Amino acid sequence: MAQKRILMVVTSHAEIEEGHPTGLWLSEFAEPYDLLKERGYRITVAGIKGGKAPIDPRSLNEENQAKWSEAIRALEDTSPLAEVSAEGFDALFLPGGHGTMFDFPDDAVLQSRVREFFESGRVVAAVCHGPAGIAHVKLSSGEYLVKGRRVTSFTNEEERAVQLDAVMPFLLEDRLRENGAIFSAAPKWSDHVEVDGKLVTGQNPQSSVSVVKKVIELLE
C-alpha cells in the first residue's frame, strides 16, 4: 500500500488581544500527529504564515513538553501554506486552538485548499476550533461546504465556560449553524465526533484522538 500523506495546517495567530497570548492547542495537534506517525504516514505541517507556530501557553506543561517533543519540533519551522500544493495528499487535518478563530476563517489560501480537498473526494478533518477553517468555505457551486452536513466544533457552552466568548470574532457554533450546518453538540468536554462522508469534525480537545482514528479508518 502506498504511504499515506497528510497535510496538517496550523494557526499562525499568537494573541487574542495585547497581553493575552493564544495559538494552537497543543494536544489537538500532538495526539493526532503521533498517531499518524505511528501508522507510517508522511506528514507535512504548514502554518497560515509559516515559520514557528504559536502554541497556546495554557496547553503546555512540563509533562506534555516531554511526551510530545517530536510534535513540538515539527511546529518549530512550518511551511507557509501558500507554498504547499494540495496535490499528492490523502487528507487535510485542521487542529484547533483559539488562534484559528482569527486567521483560519478568511484566509483565501486555506479556503482554496479545503475546497480542493473536499471536492476531489479526499478526507477533510478538523477538531475543536479547527472547523473555523471550513465554516466559510464555499464550494464551486457557490454553496457553503457545511450546508446540510453534520458537523461539530467547540460549542457556545464550552466557549462561555472558558470565559472567552466575549473576545472571539464570532462564536463558531453559531457561524456553522448560520451557514447551514446540521450542528451536533454533546455535553461540554465530551469526546464527540461527527462523520459526514469524508468530512470529520470533533468537538473539543477531548475529541482529538477519536477524530484522527476516524481519519485513519477512512483512509484504510
N, C-alpha and C. Protein backbone atom coordinates (compact mmCIF):
# COMPACT_ATOMS: atom_id res chain seq x y z
N MET A 1 0.84 -1.20 0.00
CA MET A 1 0.00 0.00 0.00
C MET A 1 0.88 1.25 0.00
N ALA A 2 0.55 2.21 -0.86
CA ALA A 2 1.33 3.45 -0.92
C ALA A 2 1.24 4.19 0.41
N GLN A 3 2.34 4.82 0.78
CA GLN A 3 2.37 5.57 2.04
C GLN A 3 1.39 6.75 1.97
N LYS A 4 0.55 6.88 2.98
CA LYS A 4 -0.42 7.97 3.01
C LYS A 4 0.27 9.28 3.37
N ARG A 5 -0.23 10.36 2.78
CA ARG A 5 0.34 11.69 3.05
C ARG A 5 -0.74 12.59 3.63
N ILE A 6 -0.40 13.26 4.72
CA ILE A 6 -1.34 14.11 5.44
C ILE A 6 -0.80 15.53 5.49
N LEU A 7 -1.66 16.49 5.20
CA LEU A 7 -1.32 17.90 5.37
C LEU A 7 -2.01 18.40 6.63
N MET A 8 -1.21 18.82 7.60
CA MET A 8 -1.75 19.41 8.83
C MET A 8 -1.50 20.92 8.76
N VAL A 9 -2.58 21.69 8.90
CA VAL A 9 -2.46 23.15 8.82
C VAL A 9 -2.76 23.76 10.19
N VAL A 10 -1.85 24.61 10.65
CA VAL A 10 -1.98 25.18 11.99
C VAL A 10 -2.04 26.71 11.92
N THR A 11 -2.58 27.29 12.97
CA THR A 11 -2.70 28.74 13.07
C THR A 11 -1.33 29.42 13.19
N SER A 12 -1.28 30.66 12.73
CA SER A 12 -0.09 31.50 12.94
C SER A 12 -0.42 32.68 13.85
N HIS A 13 -1.62 32.69 14.40
CA HIS A 13 -2.09 33.85 15.18
C HIS A 13 -1.77 33.65 16.67
N ALA A 14 -1.05 34.59 17.25
CA ALA A 14 -0.47 34.39 18.59
C ALA A 14 -1.13 35.15 19.73
N GLU A 15 -2.04 36.09 19.43
CA GLU A 15 -2.65 36.90 20.50
C GLU A 15 -4.14 37.10 20.29
N ILE A 16 -4.92 36.94 21.36
CA ILE A 16 -6.34 37.30 21.30
C ILE A 16 -6.46 38.82 21.34
N GLU A 17 -5.73 39.40 22.27
CA GLU A 17 -5.59 40.86 22.37
C GLU A 17 -4.26 41.09 23.07
N GLU A 18 -3.82 42.32 23.15
CA GLU A 18 -2.50 42.58 23.73
C GLU A 18 -2.41 42.02 25.15
N GLY A 19 -1.36 41.22 25.38
CA GLY A 19 -1.15 40.65 26.70
C GLY A 19 -1.93 39.36 26.94
N HIS A 20 -2.66 38.88 25.93
CA HIS A 20 -3.45 37.66 26.08
C HIS A 20 -3.03 36.69 24.97
N PRO A 21 -1.94 35.90 25.23
CA PRO A 21 -1.43 35.01 24.19
C PRO A 21 -2.38 33.87 23.86
N THR A 22 -2.31 33.43 22.63
CA THR A 22 -3.10 32.27 22.20
C THR A 22 -2.28 31.52 21.16
N GLY A 23 -2.93 30.74 20.32
CA GLY A 23 -2.23 29.97 19.29
C GLY A 23 -2.91 28.63 19.10
N LEU A 24 -2.10 27.64 18.81
CA LEU A 24 -2.54 26.26 18.64
C LEU A 24 -2.74 25.61 20.00
N TRP A 25 -3.79 24.78 20.13
CA TRP A 25 -3.93 23.98 21.36
C TRP A 25 -3.14 22.70 21.14
N LEU A 26 -2.07 22.52 21.94
CA LEU A 26 -1.05 21.52 21.63
C LEU A 26 -1.59 20.10 21.46
N SER A 27 -2.44 19.64 22.37
CA SER A 27 -2.89 18.24 22.30
C SER A 27 -3.64 17.96 21.00
N GLU A 28 -4.31 18.97 20.46
CA GLU A 28 -5.11 18.77 19.24
C GLU A 28 -4.24 18.57 18.01
N PHE A 29 -2.99 18.99 18.12
CA PHE A 29 -2.01 18.72 17.07
C PHE A 29 -1.19 17.46 17.41
N ALA A 30 -0.68 17.41 18.65
CA ALA A 30 0.31 16.39 19.01
C ALA A 30 -0.28 14.98 19.06
N GLU A 31 -1.47 14.83 19.60
CA GLU A 31 -2.06 13.49 19.68
C GLU A 31 -2.32 12.92 18.28
N PRO A 32 -2.96 13.68 17.38
CA PRO A 32 -3.11 13.18 16.01
C PRO A 32 -1.76 12.97 15.30
N TYR A 33 -0.84 13.90 15.48
CA TYR A 33 0.47 13.80 14.84
C TYR A 33 1.15 12.48 15.21
N ASP A 34 1.16 12.17 16.52
CA ASP A 34 1.82 10.95 16.98
C ASP A 34 1.14 9.70 16.43
N LEU A 35 -0.19 9.69 16.41
CA LEU A 35 -0.91 8.51 15.90
C LEU A 35 -0.67 8.32 14.40
N LEU A 36 -0.67 9.42 13.66
CA LEU A 36 -0.42 9.33 12.22
C LEU A 36 1.01 8.86 11.94
N LYS A 37 1.96 9.34 12.73
CA LYS A 37 3.35 8.91 12.60
C LYS A 37 3.47 7.40 12.87
N GLU A 38 2.77 6.95 13.91
CA GLU A 38 2.80 5.52 14.25
C GLU A 38 2.32 4.65 13.10
N ARG A 39 1.37 5.17 12.31
CA ARG A 39 0.83 4.43 11.16
C ARG A 39 1.77 4.51 9.96
N GLY A 40 2.84 5.26 10.10
CA GLY A 40 3.80 5.37 9.00
C GLY A 40 3.42 6.40 7.95
N TYR A 41 2.48 7.29 8.29
CA TYR A 41 2.06 8.32 7.34
C TYR A 41 3.14 9.40 7.23
N ARG A 42 3.21 10.01 6.05
CA ARG A 42 4.08 11.18 5.87
C ARG A 42 3.27 12.43 6.16
N ILE A 43 3.80 13.26 7.05
CA ILE A 43 3.06 14.45 7.49
C ILE A 43 3.82 15.71 7.06
N THR A 44 3.10 16.63 6.43
CA THR A 44 3.62 17.96 6.16
C THR A 44 2.86 18.93 7.05
N VAL A 45 3.59 19.75 7.79
CA VAL A 45 2.96 20.73 8.68
C VAL A 45 3.13 22.12 8.05
N ALA A 46 1.99 22.76 7.79
CA ALA A 46 2.00 24.11 7.22
C ALA A 46 1.32 25.06 8.19
N GLY A 47 1.84 26.28 8.27
CA GLY A 47 1.18 27.34 9.03
C GLY A 47 0.57 28.32 8.05
N ILE A 48 -0.42 29.07 8.50
CA ILE A 48 -1.01 30.09 7.63
C ILE A 48 0.09 31.01 7.09
N LYS A 49 0.99 31.43 7.95
CA LYS A 49 2.12 32.27 7.52
C LYS A 49 3.43 31.50 7.43
N GLY A 50 3.47 30.28 8.00
CA GLY A 50 4.71 29.52 8.05
C GLY A 50 5.57 29.95 9.24
N GLY A 51 6.72 29.35 9.37
CA GLY A 51 7.62 29.65 10.49
C GLY A 51 7.18 28.94 11.76
N LYS A 52 7.61 29.45 12.89
CA LYS A 52 7.30 28.83 14.18
C LYS A 52 5.82 29.04 14.53
N ALA A 53 5.13 27.95 14.78
CA ALA A 53 3.70 28.04 15.11
C ALA A 53 3.54 28.41 16.58
N PRO A 54 2.69 29.38 16.90
CA PRO A 54 2.47 29.73 18.30
C PRO A 54 1.65 28.64 19.01
N ILE A 55 2.10 28.25 20.18
CA ILE A 55 1.37 27.26 20.99
C ILE A 55 0.73 28.00 22.16
N ASP A 56 -0.57 27.80 22.35
CA ASP A 56 -1.25 28.43 23.48
C ASP A 56 -0.57 27.97 24.78
N PRO A 57 -0.05 28.91 25.58
CA PRO A 57 0.68 28.52 26.79
C PRO A 57 -0.17 27.72 27.77
N ARG A 58 -1.48 27.90 27.71
CA ARG A 58 -2.36 27.14 28.63
C ARG A 58 -2.37 25.65 28.29
N SER A 59 -1.91 25.30 27.08
CA SER A 59 -1.92 23.89 26.67
C SER A 59 -0.56 23.22 26.87
N LEU A 60 0.38 23.96 27.44
CA LEU A 60 1.74 23.47 27.64
C LEU A 60 2.02 23.20 29.10
N ASN A 61 2.66 22.09 29.39
CA ASN A 61 3.22 21.87 30.73
C ASN A 61 4.45 20.98 30.57
N GLU A 62 5.20 20.79 31.65
CA GLU A 62 6.45 20.03 31.56
C GLU A 62 6.23 18.61 31.07
N GLU A 63 5.15 17.99 31.53
CA GLU A 63 4.88 16.60 31.18
C GLU A 63 4.62 16.45 29.69
N ASN A 64 3.72 17.31 29.15
CA ASN A 64 3.42 17.12 27.73
C ASN A 64 4.53 17.63 26.82
N GLN A 65 5.35 18.56 27.32
CA GLN A 65 6.50 19.00 26.52
C GLN A 65 7.47 17.85 26.29
N ALA A 66 7.62 17.00 27.31
CA ALA A 66 8.49 15.83 27.17
C ALA A 66 7.82 14.77 26.30
N LYS A 67 6.54 14.52 26.56
CA LYS A 67 5.80 13.46 25.85
C LYS A 67 5.66 13.76 24.37
N TRP A 68 5.46 15.04 24.02
CA TRP A 68 5.18 15.41 22.64
C TRP A 68 6.35 16.19 22.00
N SER A 69 7.56 15.86 22.42
CA SER A 69 8.72 16.63 21.96
C SER A 69 8.86 16.58 20.43
N GLU A 70 8.58 15.43 19.81
CA GLU A 70 8.72 15.32 18.35
C GLU A 70 7.69 16.21 17.65
N ALA A 71 6.46 16.19 18.16
CA ALA A 71 5.41 17.03 17.58
C ALA A 71 5.75 18.51 17.74
N ILE A 72 6.28 18.89 18.90
CA ILE A 72 6.66 20.29 19.14
C ILE A 72 7.77 20.71 18.17
N ARG A 73 8.70 19.81 17.92
CA ARG A 73 9.78 20.12 16.96
C ARG A 73 9.20 20.38 15.56
N ALA A 74 8.15 19.65 15.22
CA ALA A 74 7.52 19.82 13.89
C ALA A 74 6.86 21.19 13.76
N LEU A 75 6.60 21.86 14.88
CA LEU A 75 5.97 23.17 14.87
C LEU A 75 6.99 24.31 14.86
N GLU A 76 8.27 23.96 14.95
CA GLU A 76 9.33 24.98 15.05
C GLU A 76 9.50 25.76 13.74
N ASP A 77 9.29 25.08 12.61
CA ASP A 77 9.52 25.74 11.33
C ASP A 77 8.53 25.19 10.30
N THR A 78 7.29 25.65 10.37
CA THR A 78 6.26 25.15 9.45
C THR A 78 6.41 25.81 8.07
N SER A 79 5.93 25.11 7.06
CA SER A 79 5.94 25.67 5.70
C SER A 79 4.81 26.69 5.58
N PRO A 80 5.01 27.80 4.86
CA PRO A 80 3.89 28.70 4.59
C PRO A 80 2.86 27.97 3.73
N LEU A 81 1.60 28.02 4.11
CA LEU A 81 0.57 27.27 3.40
C LEU A 81 0.53 27.61 1.92
N ALA A 82 0.78 28.88 1.58
CA ALA A 82 0.73 29.30 0.18
C ALA A 82 1.76 28.56 -0.68
N GLU A 83 2.79 28.00 -0.04
CA GLU A 83 3.83 27.30 -0.79
C GLU A 83 3.60 25.79 -0.84
N VAL A 84 2.49 25.33 -0.25
CA VAL A 84 2.20 23.89 -0.21
C VAL A 84 0.97 23.60 -1.07
N SER A 85 1.17 22.87 -2.13
CA SER A 85 0.07 22.49 -3.01
C SER A 85 -0.75 21.39 -2.34
N ALA A 86 -2.02 21.28 -2.72
CA ALA A 86 -2.87 20.20 -2.21
C ALA A 86 -2.56 18.87 -2.89
N GLU A 87 -1.82 18.93 -3.98
CA GLU A 87 -1.57 17.75 -4.79
C GLU A 87 -0.79 16.69 -4.03
N GLY A 88 -1.20 15.43 -4.16
CA GLY A 88 -0.45 14.32 -3.60
C GLY A 88 -0.81 13.95 -2.17
N PHE A 89 -1.63 14.77 -1.51
CA PHE A 89 -2.03 14.47 -0.14
C PHE A 89 -3.33 13.66 -0.13
N ASP A 90 -3.47 12.82 0.89
CA ASP A 90 -4.67 11.99 1.04
C ASP A 90 -5.68 12.61 1.99
N ALA A 91 -5.23 13.46 2.89
CA ALA A 91 -6.14 14.06 3.88
C ALA A 91 -5.60 15.40 4.35
N LEU A 92 -6.54 16.24 4.77
CA LEU A 92 -6.23 17.55 5.36
C LEU A 92 -6.73 17.53 6.80
N PHE A 93 -5.87 17.94 7.73
CA PHE A 93 -6.24 17.93 9.16
C PHE A 93 -6.02 19.32 9.74
N LEU A 94 -7.07 19.86 10.37
CA LEU A 94 -7.00 21.20 10.96
C LEU A 94 -7.15 21.11 12.48
N PRO A 95 -6.05 21.17 13.23
CA PRO A 95 -6.15 21.23 14.69
C PRO A 95 -6.67 22.62 15.10
N GLY A 96 -7.16 22.70 16.33
CA GLY A 96 -7.73 23.96 16.79
C GLY A 96 -6.80 24.78 17.66
N GLY A 97 -7.38 25.44 18.63
CA GLY A 97 -6.71 26.48 19.40
C GLY A 97 -7.41 27.79 19.05
N HIS A 98 -7.51 28.69 20.00
CA HIS A 98 -8.25 29.94 19.75
C HIS A 98 -7.62 30.80 18.65
N GLY A 99 -6.33 30.61 18.37
CA GLY A 99 -5.69 31.36 17.29
C GLY A 99 -6.39 31.16 15.95
N THR A 100 -6.93 29.95 15.74
CA THR A 100 -7.57 29.65 14.46
C THR A 100 -8.77 30.55 14.19
N MET A 101 -9.39 31.06 15.24
CA MET A 101 -10.59 31.89 15.07
C MET A 101 -10.25 33.22 14.40
N PHE A 102 -8.96 33.58 14.41
CA PHE A 102 -8.54 34.87 13.85
C PHE A 102 -7.94 34.74 12.45
N ASP A 103 -7.29 33.60 12.14
CA ASP A 103 -6.66 33.54 10.80
C ASP A 103 -7.22 32.45 9.89
N PHE A 104 -7.92 31.45 10.42
CA PHE A 104 -8.48 30.41 9.56
C PHE A 104 -9.68 30.87 8.73
N PRO A 105 -10.65 31.60 9.31
CA PRO A 105 -11.93 31.77 8.63
C PRO A 105 -11.86 32.46 7.27
N ASP A 106 -10.96 33.42 7.11
CA ASP A 106 -10.98 34.23 5.89
C ASP A 106 -9.67 34.17 5.11
N ASP A 107 -8.83 33.17 5.43
CA ASP A 107 -7.58 33.05 4.69
C ASP A 107 -7.88 32.40 3.33
N ALA A 108 -7.63 33.16 2.26
CA ALA A 108 -8.02 32.71 0.92
C ALA A 108 -7.31 31.41 0.51
N VAL A 109 -6.06 31.27 0.91
CA VAL A 109 -5.32 30.05 0.54
C VAL A 109 -5.92 28.84 1.24
N LEU A 110 -6.20 28.98 2.54
CA LEU A 110 -6.80 27.86 3.27
C LEU A 110 -8.16 27.50 2.69
N GLN A 111 -8.98 28.52 2.40
CA GLN A 111 -10.29 28.26 1.82
C GLN A 111 -10.15 27.46 0.52
N SER A 112 -9.18 27.84 -0.29
CA SER A 112 -8.95 27.16 -1.56
C SER A 112 -8.50 25.72 -1.36
N ARG A 113 -7.58 25.50 -0.40
CA ARG A 113 -7.08 24.15 -0.13
C ARG A 113 -8.21 23.26 0.38
N VAL A 114 -9.01 23.77 1.31
CA VAL A 114 -10.13 22.98 1.86
C VAL A 114 -11.08 22.58 0.73
N ARG A 115 -11.43 23.55 -0.09
CA ARG A 115 -12.35 23.27 -1.21
C ARG A 115 -11.77 22.21 -2.14
N GLU A 116 -10.47 22.32 -2.43
CA GLU A 116 -9.83 21.37 -3.35
C GLU A 116 -9.83 19.95 -2.78
N PHE A 117 -9.48 19.82 -1.51
CA PHE A 117 -9.51 18.50 -0.86
C PHE A 117 -10.93 17.93 -0.89
N PHE A 118 -11.88 18.75 -0.49
CA PHE A 118 -13.26 18.26 -0.35
C PHE A 118 -13.85 17.87 -1.70
N GLU A 119 -13.66 18.73 -2.70
CA GLU A 119 -14.29 18.47 -3.99
C GLU A 119 -13.62 17.33 -4.76
N SER A 120 -12.39 16.98 -4.37
CA SER A 120 -11.72 15.85 -5.01
C SER A 120 -11.94 14.55 -4.23
N GLY A 121 -12.83 14.60 -3.22
CA GLY A 121 -13.22 13.38 -2.51
C GLY A 121 -12.21 12.90 -1.49
N ARG A 122 -11.36 13.82 -1.04
CA ARG A 122 -10.38 13.43 -0.02
C ARG A 122 -10.88 13.78 1.38
N VAL A 123 -10.25 13.21 2.38
CA VAL A 123 -10.67 13.42 3.77
C VAL A 123 -10.31 14.83 4.23
N VAL A 124 -11.28 15.50 4.85
CA VAL A 124 -11.07 16.79 5.50
C VAL A 124 -11.49 16.63 6.95
N ALA A 125 -10.56 16.89 7.88
CA ALA A 125 -10.85 16.71 9.30
C ALA A 125 -10.46 17.96 10.08
N ALA A 126 -11.23 18.26 11.12
CA ALA A 126 -10.96 19.44 11.95
C ALA A 126 -11.46 19.17 13.35
N VAL A 127 -10.75 19.70 14.34
CA VAL A 127 -11.13 19.46 15.73
C VAL A 127 -11.19 20.77 16.51
N CYS A 128 -12.16 20.88 17.39
CA CYS A 128 -12.34 21.97 18.34
C CYS A 128 -12.59 23.30 17.61
N HIS A 129 -11.61 24.21 17.57
CA HIS A 129 -11.76 25.45 16.79
C HIS A 129 -11.26 25.28 15.36
N GLY A 130 -10.69 24.12 15.03
CA GLY A 130 -10.24 23.85 13.67
C GLY A 130 -11.33 24.03 12.62
N PRO A 131 -12.61 23.69 12.94
CA PRO A 131 -13.68 23.91 11.96
C PRO A 131 -13.88 25.38 11.57
N ALA A 132 -13.20 26.32 12.25
CA ALA A 132 -13.20 27.71 11.76
C ALA A 132 -12.64 27.76 10.34
N GLY A 133 -11.82 26.78 9.99
CA GLY A 133 -11.23 26.72 8.66
C GLY A 133 -12.16 26.19 7.59
N ILE A 134 -13.30 25.61 7.99
CA ILE A 134 -14.27 25.13 7.00
C ILE A 134 -15.56 25.94 7.03
N ALA A 135 -15.77 26.72 8.08
CA ALA A 135 -17.05 27.40 8.31
C ALA A 135 -17.45 28.33 7.17
N HIS A 136 -16.48 28.99 6.55
CA HIS A 136 -16.77 29.98 5.50
C HIS A 136 -16.49 29.47 4.09
N VAL A 137 -16.02 28.23 3.97
CA VAL A 137 -15.62 27.73 2.64
C VAL A 137 -16.84 27.57 1.75
N LYS A 138 -16.74 28.14 0.54
CA LYS A 138 -17.79 27.94 -0.46
C LYS A 138 -17.28 26.99 -1.54
N LEU A 139 -18.13 26.07 -1.94
CA LEU A 139 -17.80 25.11 -2.99
C LEU A 139 -17.93 25.79 -4.36
N SER A 140 -17.54 25.08 -5.39
CA SER A 140 -17.62 25.63 -6.75
C SER A 140 -19.06 25.99 -7.11
N SER A 141 -20.02 25.33 -6.47
CA SER A 141 -21.44 25.61 -6.70
C SER A 141 -21.88 26.94 -6.10
N GLY A 142 -21.04 27.51 -5.23
CA GLY A 142 -21.40 28.75 -4.54
C GLY A 142 -22.04 28.52 -3.18
N GLU A 143 -22.32 27.25 -2.85
CA GLU A 143 -22.92 26.94 -1.55
C GLU A 143 -21.83 26.71 -0.52
N TYR A 144 -22.17 26.98 0.75
CA TYR A 144 -21.22 26.69 1.83
C TYR A 144 -20.98 25.19 1.91
N LEU A 145 -19.72 24.83 2.13
CA LEU A 145 -19.35 23.42 2.28
C LEU A 145 -20.16 22.75 3.38
N VAL A 146 -20.40 23.47 4.47
CA VAL A 146 -21.06 22.86 5.63
C VAL A 146 -22.57 22.74 5.48
N LYS A 147 -23.12 23.36 4.44
CA LYS A 147 -24.58 23.38 4.30
C LYS A 147 -25.14 21.96 4.19
N GLY A 148 -26.05 21.63 5.10
CA GLY A 148 -26.70 20.32 5.08
C GLY A 148 -25.82 19.18 5.56
N ARG A 149 -24.63 19.50 6.11
CA ARG A 149 -23.74 18.44 6.57
C ARG A 149 -23.66 18.42 8.09
N ARG A 150 -23.53 17.21 8.62
CA ARG A 150 -23.43 17.03 10.08
C ARG A 150 -22.02 17.39 10.54
N VAL A 151 -21.94 18.38 11.41
CA VAL A 151 -20.64 18.80 11.93
C VAL A 151 -20.75 19.12 13.43
N THR A 152 -19.58 19.20 14.05
CA THR A 152 -19.50 19.69 15.42
C THR A 152 -18.25 20.57 15.53
N SER A 153 -18.13 21.24 16.66
CA SER A 153 -16.96 22.08 16.94
C SER A 153 -17.04 22.45 18.42
N PHE A 154 -16.07 23.25 18.88
CA PHE A 154 -16.16 23.83 20.21
C PHE A 154 -17.49 24.56 20.30
N THR A 155 -18.26 24.28 21.33
CA THR A 155 -19.63 24.78 21.39
C THR A 155 -19.72 26.14 22.09
N ASN A 156 -20.84 26.79 21.92
CA ASN A 156 -21.08 28.06 22.63
C ASN A 156 -20.95 27.86 24.13
N GLU A 157 -21.49 26.74 24.62
CA GLU A 157 -21.44 26.45 26.06
C GLU A 157 -19.99 26.32 26.53
N GLU A 158 -19.16 25.64 25.74
CA GLU A 158 -17.75 25.48 26.12
C GLU A 158 -17.01 26.81 26.05
N GLU A 159 -17.35 27.64 25.04
CA GLU A 159 -16.71 28.95 24.93
C GLU A 159 -17.03 29.81 26.15
N ARG A 160 -18.28 29.75 26.59
CA ARG A 160 -18.67 30.52 27.79
C ARG A 160 -17.98 29.96 29.03
N ALA A 161 -17.82 28.64 29.07
CA ALA A 161 -17.20 28.01 30.24
C ALA A 161 -15.74 28.44 30.41
N VAL A 162 -15.04 28.68 29.29
CA VAL A 162 -13.64 29.14 29.39
C VAL A 162 -13.55 30.66 29.40
N GLN A 163 -14.71 31.33 29.40
CA GLN A 163 -14.83 32.78 29.52
C GLN A 163 -14.11 33.54 28.39
N LEU A 164 -14.19 32.97 27.17
CA LEU A 164 -13.59 33.65 26.03
C LEU A 164 -14.63 34.01 24.96
N ASP A 165 -15.90 33.80 25.28
CA ASP A 165 -16.95 34.08 24.30
C ASP A 165 -16.99 35.56 23.90
N ALA A 166 -16.68 36.44 24.84
CA ALA A 166 -16.78 37.88 24.57
C ALA A 166 -15.62 38.42 23.74
N VAL A 167 -14.51 37.65 23.64
CA VAL A 167 -13.34 38.17 22.92
C VAL A 167 -13.08 37.43 21.60
N MET A 168 -13.98 36.54 21.22
CA MET A 168 -13.87 35.87 19.93
C MET A 168 -14.48 36.75 18.83
N PRO A 169 -13.97 36.66 17.60
CA PRO A 169 -14.57 37.42 16.49
C PRO A 169 -16.02 37.00 16.24
N PHE A 170 -16.34 35.75 16.54
CA PHE A 170 -17.70 35.21 16.43
C PHE A 170 -17.71 33.90 17.21
N LEU A 171 -18.90 33.35 17.45
CA LEU A 171 -18.99 32.04 18.09
C LEU A 171 -19.08 31.00 16.99
N LEU A 172 -18.19 30.00 17.06
CA LEU A 172 -18.05 29.04 15.97
C LEU A 172 -19.32 28.22 15.76
N GLU A 173 -19.92 27.77 16.85
CA GLU A 173 -21.17 27.01 16.70
C GLU A 173 -22.22 27.84 15.96
N ASP A 174 -22.37 29.10 16.36
CA ASP A 174 -23.36 29.97 15.71
C ASP A 174 -23.06 30.11 14.22
N ARG A 175 -21.79 30.33 13.86
CA ARG A 175 -21.44 30.56 12.47
C ARG A 175 -21.70 29.31 11.62
N LEU A 176 -21.36 28.16 12.15
CA LEU A 176 -21.61 26.92 11.41
C LEU A 176 -23.11 26.73 11.17
N ARG A 177 -23.90 27.00 12.20
CA ARG A 177 -25.37 26.91 12.04
C ARG A 177 -25.87 27.91 11.00
N GLU A 178 -25.37 29.14 11.10
CA GLU A 178 -25.80 30.20 10.16
C GLU A 178 -25.51 29.82 8.71
N ASN A 179 -24.42 29.08 8.50
CA ASN A 179 -24.02 28.72 7.14
C ASN A 179 -24.59 27.37 6.71
N GLY A 180 -25.57 26.89 7.48
CA GLY A 180 -26.36 25.75 7.04
C GLY A 180 -25.97 24.39 7.57
N ALA A 181 -24.99 24.35 8.49
CA ALA A 181 -24.58 23.05 9.03
C ALA A 181 -25.67 22.45 9.91
N ILE A 182 -25.72 21.13 9.92
CA ILE A 182 -26.54 20.40 10.90
C ILE A 182 -25.62 20.18 12.10
N PHE A 183 -25.71 21.07 13.06
CA PHE A 183 -24.72 21.10 14.15
C PHE A 183 -25.13 20.14 15.27
N SER A 184 -24.14 19.36 15.73
CA SER A 184 -24.38 18.40 16.80
C SER A 184 -23.50 18.75 18.00
N ALA A 185 -24.14 19.02 19.13
CA ALA A 185 -23.40 19.37 20.35
C ALA A 185 -23.64 18.33 21.43
N ALA A 186 -22.57 17.80 21.98
CA ALA A 186 -22.66 16.90 23.13
C ALA A 186 -22.41 17.74 24.39
N PRO A 187 -22.70 17.20 25.59
CA PRO A 187 -22.38 17.94 26.82
C PRO A 187 -20.91 18.38 26.82
N LYS A 188 -20.65 19.53 27.42
CA LYS A 188 -19.30 20.10 27.34
C LYS A 188 -18.24 19.12 27.84
N TRP A 189 -17.11 19.16 27.16
CA TRP A 189 -15.92 18.34 27.40
C TRP A 189 -16.15 16.85 27.09
N SER A 190 -17.23 16.52 26.38
CA SER A 190 -17.43 15.14 25.93
C SER A 190 -16.54 14.84 24.73
N ASP A 191 -16.11 13.59 24.63
CA ASP A 191 -15.42 13.11 23.43
C ASP A 191 -16.51 12.88 22.38
N HIS A 192 -16.57 13.76 21.38
CA HIS A 192 -17.68 13.73 20.43
C HIS A 192 -17.19 14.03 19.02
N VAL A 193 -17.50 13.12 18.09
CA VAL A 193 -17.06 13.25 16.69
C VAL A 193 -18.26 13.09 15.78
N GLU A 194 -18.29 13.87 14.70
CA GLU A 194 -19.29 13.72 13.64
C GLU A 194 -18.56 13.36 12.35
N VAL A 195 -19.10 12.37 11.63
CA VAL A 195 -18.55 11.98 10.33
C VAL A 195 -19.67 12.10 9.31
N ASP A 196 -19.44 12.92 8.28
CA ASP A 196 -20.40 13.07 7.20
C ASP A 196 -19.64 12.84 5.89
N GLY A 197 -19.75 11.63 5.36
CA GLY A 197 -18.93 11.27 4.20
C GLY A 197 -17.47 11.28 4.59
N LYS A 198 -16.68 12.12 3.93
CA LYS A 198 -15.25 12.22 4.27
C LYS A 198 -14.92 13.49 5.04
N LEU A 199 -15.96 14.10 5.61
CA LEU A 199 -15.78 15.26 6.48
C LEU A 199 -15.87 14.79 7.93
N VAL A 200 -14.79 15.01 8.69
CA VAL A 200 -14.72 14.54 10.08
C VAL A 200 -14.48 15.74 10.99
N THR A 201 -15.35 15.94 11.98
CA THR A 201 -15.16 17.06 12.92
C THR A 201 -15.28 16.57 14.35
N GLY A 202 -14.49 17.19 15.24
CA GLY A 202 -14.51 16.85 16.66
C GLY A 202 -14.81 18.08 17.49
N GLN A 203 -15.44 17.88 18.64
CA GLN A 203 -15.99 19.00 19.41
C GLN A 203 -14.95 19.79 20.19
N ASN A 204 -13.93 19.14 20.71
CA ASN A 204 -13.07 19.79 21.71
C ASN A 204 -11.75 19.02 21.82
N PRO A 205 -10.83 19.45 22.70
CA PRO A 205 -9.57 18.72 22.83
C PRO A 205 -9.76 17.25 23.20
N GLN A 206 -10.81 16.96 23.95
CA GLN A 206 -11.07 15.58 24.38
C GLN A 206 -11.39 14.66 23.19
N SER A 207 -11.67 15.26 22.03
CA SER A 207 -12.10 14.50 20.85
C SER A 207 -10.98 14.26 19.83
N SER A 208 -9.79 14.77 20.12
CA SER A 208 -8.71 14.74 19.12
C SER A 208 -8.34 13.33 18.68
N VAL A 209 -8.19 12.43 19.62
CA VAL A 209 -7.78 11.06 19.28
C VAL A 209 -8.88 10.37 18.48
N SER A 210 -10.13 10.56 18.89
CA SER A 210 -11.24 9.95 18.17
C SER A 210 -11.32 10.45 16.74
N VAL A 211 -11.06 11.74 16.54
CA VAL A 211 -11.08 12.31 15.18
C VAL A 211 -10.03 11.65 14.31
N VAL A 212 -8.80 11.57 14.81
CA VAL A 212 -7.73 11.03 13.97
C VAL A 212 -7.94 9.53 13.72
N LYS A 213 -8.56 8.84 14.67
CA LYS A 213 -8.86 7.42 14.44
C LYS A 213 -9.88 7.25 13.31
N LYS A 214 -10.84 8.18 13.24
CA LYS A 214 -11.82 8.16 12.14
C LYS A 214 -11.13 8.45 10.80
N VAL A 215 -10.19 9.38 10.82
CA VAL A 215 -9.43 9.69 9.61
C VAL A 215 -8.69 8.44 9.12
N ILE A 216 -8.01 7.77 10.03
CA ILE A 216 -7.26 6.55 9.68
C ILE A 216 -8.21 5.49 9.12
N GLU A 217 -9.36 5.36 9.76
CA GLU A 217 -10.38 4.40 9.31
C GLU A 217 -10.81 4.71 7.87
N LEU A 218 -11.05 5.98 7.57
CA LEU A 218 -11.47 6.37 6.23
C LEU A 218 -10.37 6.14 5.20
N LEU A 219 -9.13 6.33 5.60
CA LEU A 219 -8.02 6.18 4.67
C LEU A 219 -7.64 4.73 4.43
N GLU A 220 -7.97 3.85 5.39
CA GLU A 220 -7.50 2.47 5.29
C GLU A 220 -8.63 1.49 5.04
